[in-house]
Protein backbone atom coordinates (compact mmCIF):
# COMPACT_ATOMS: atom_id res chain seq x y z
CA MET A 1 118.16 72.86 90.59
CA GLY A 2 121.42 73.41 92.42
CA ALA A 3 121.73 73.91 96.15
CA ARG A 4 122.74 77.57 95.78
CA LYS A 5 119.77 78.35 93.57
CA ARG A 6 117.41 76.63 95.97
CA ILE A 7 118.78 78.60 98.93
CA LYS A 8 118.57 81.85 96.97
CA ALA A 9 114.96 81.09 95.96
CA GLU A 10 114.05 80.41 99.60
CA GLN A 11 115.62 83.71 100.66
CA ILE A 12 113.63 85.58 98.01
CA LYS A 13 110.42 83.86 99.16
CA GLU A 14 111.14 84.87 102.75
CA GLN A 15 111.70 88.48 101.71
CA LYS A 16 108.39 88.49 99.81
CA ARG A 17 106.59 87.16 102.87
CA SER A 18 107.91 90.01 105.00
CA THR A 19 107.09 92.80 102.51
CA TYR A 20 103.69 94.44 102.25
CA VAL A 21 103.04 95.81 98.78
CA ALA A 22 100.20 97.59 97.00
CA ARG A 23 100.20 98.45 93.31
CA LEU A 24 98.16 100.90 91.28
CA ARG A 25 98.19 100.16 87.56
CA ASN A 26 97.25 102.30 84.55
CA CYS A 27 96.37 105.37 86.59
CA PRO A 28 95.37 108.11 84.10
CA THR A 29 97.67 110.79 85.54
CA SER A 30 101.02 111.81 84.15
CA PRO A 31 103.96 110.18 85.95
CA ARG A 32 105.55 113.58 86.55
CA LYS A 33 102.55 114.82 88.54
CA MET A 34 102.30 111.56 90.48
CA ARG A 35 106.01 111.64 91.41
CA LEU A 36 105.53 114.99 93.18
CA VAL A 37 103.08 113.32 95.56
CA ALA A 38 105.16 110.13 95.87
CA ASP A 39 108.26 112.11 96.87
CA MET A 40 106.23 113.86 99.57
CA VAL A 41 105.39 110.63 101.46
CA ARG A 42 108.51 108.53 100.82
CA GLY A 43 110.06 107.44 104.13
CA ALA A 44 107.28 108.98 106.22
CA GLU A 45 105.50 107.25 109.06
CA VAL A 46 102.13 105.86 107.90
CA ASN A 47 99.83 108.09 109.98
CA LYS A 48 101.79 111.21 109.05
CA ALA A 49 101.74 110.21 105.37
CA LEU A 50 97.95 109.71 105.47
CA ASP A 51 97.52 113.17 107.00
CA MET A 52 99.75 114.76 104.35
CA LEU A 53 97.84 113.05 101.55
CA ARG A 54 94.41 113.87 102.99
CA TYR A 55 95.11 117.62 103.00
CA CYS A 56 97.15 117.85 99.79
CA PRO A 57 95.17 119.66 97.05
CA LYS A 58 96.60 117.57 94.19
CA GLU A 59 94.36 115.01 92.46
CA ALA A 60 97.09 112.37 92.61
CA ALA A 61 97.13 112.59 96.42
CA GLY A 62 93.71 110.96 96.67
CA LYS A 63 94.84 108.02 94.58
CA VAL A 64 98.06 107.55 96.57
CA GLU A 65 96.09 107.79 99.83
CA LYS A 66 93.81 104.97 98.68
CA LEU A 67 96.87 102.94 97.66
CA LEU A 68 98.48 103.48 101.07
CA MET A 69 95.30 102.30 102.77
CA SER A 70 95.46 99.16 100.62
CA ALA A 71 99.08 98.51 101.63
CA ILE A 72 98.11 98.91 105.30
CA ALA A 73 95.27 96.43 104.80
CA ASN A 74 97.74 93.97 103.23
CA TRP A 75 99.95 94.38 106.30
CA GLN A 76 96.99 93.72 108.60
CA ILE A 77 96.10 90.50 106.77
CA LYS A 78 99.60 89.08 107.33
CA ASN A 79 99.89 90.38 110.93
CA GLU A 80 96.65 89.56 112.69
CA GLY A 81 96.54 90.49 116.36
CA ILE A 82 99.19 93.24 116.11
CA ARG A 83 98.07 96.85 116.40
CA ILE A 84 99.23 99.33 113.75
CA GLU A 85 100.14 101.95 116.37
CA GLU A 86 102.57 99.56 118.08
CA SER A 87 104.19 98.29 114.88
CA ASP A 88 105.65 101.67 113.78
CA LEU A 89 104.83 101.29 110.06
CA TYR A 90 106.42 103.58 107.49
CA VAL A 91 106.51 103.97 103.70
CA LYS A 92 109.65 102.03 102.83
CA GLU A 93 109.50 102.42 99.05
CA ILE A 94 107.25 104.21 96.62
CA TYR A 95 108.03 104.55 92.97
CA VAL A 96 106.19 105.65 89.86
CA ASP A 97 106.73 104.08 86.44
CA SER A 98 105.23 105.27 83.20
CA ALA A 99 102.52 103.13 81.63
CA ARG A 100 100.74 103.19 78.29
CA GLN A 101 100.22 106.42 76.37
CA LEU A 102 97.03 107.17 74.50
CA LYS A 103 97.86 109.07 71.34
CA ARG A 104 95.29 111.57 70.11
CA LEU A 105 95.23 114.24 67.39
CA ARG A 106 94.20 117.84 68.01
CA PRO A 107 93.35 120.13 65.09
CA ALA A 108 96.02 122.71 64.32
CA PRO A 109 96.19 125.65 61.90
CA GLN A 110 96.45 125.13 58.13
CA GLY A 111 95.04 121.61 58.17
CA ARG A 112 97.71 120.11 60.36
CA GLY A 113 97.23 117.96 63.43
CA TYR A 114 99.17 118.13 66.67
CA ARG A 115 99.72 114.90 68.54
CA ILE A 116 98.49 114.81 72.13
CA ARG A 117 99.97 112.12 74.39
CA LYS A 118 97.70 111.23 77.30
CA ARG A 119 100.07 109.63 79.77
CA SER A 120 99.34 107.15 82.54
CA ASN A 121 101.44 105.51 85.23
CA HIS A 122 101.98 102.56 87.58
CA VAL A 123 102.60 103.21 91.28
CA THR A 124 104.16 100.65 93.63
CA LEU A 125 104.10 101.27 97.38
CA VAL A 126 105.91 99.13 100.00
CA VAL A 127 105.09 99.44 103.69
CA ASP A 128 107.37 98.02 106.40
CA SER A 129 107.77 98.10 110.14
CA ARG A 130 110.81 99.83 111.63
CA ASP A 131 111.05 96.97 114.15
CA ASN A 132 111.89 94.51 111.34
CA ASN A 133 114.86 96.62 110.21
CA LYS A 134 116.37 96.76 113.72
CA ASN A 135 116.47 92.95 113.95
CA GLU A 136 118.36 92.53 110.67
């Protein structure tokens, strides 16, 4: 392995150490509905995002709230001894990708069948501290 590749690999490892990620896979909600909730919390401070999700009537909000709690727990594991209130955490990235589709048939008039696509999605949420961005 060349010196440049080795340096690049070390930089990528360092970036992964400083990111706090949580992923939700194969969630049985359509990506379009989940993106509405994801757009609501993107860039928001963690406590404010939790409040928004807790009082949002959409079903997807409960799943994203649980995912955000998981990302916060991942942050706490890597940063023992630091309080969340002092760290100024925020939702750095959140994106929704489509996952598998279950294809079903629904009876239709005159012996036909309409295809029903039951969609699902993957959600990736990245939490970061605003203090880290000021140092860079």
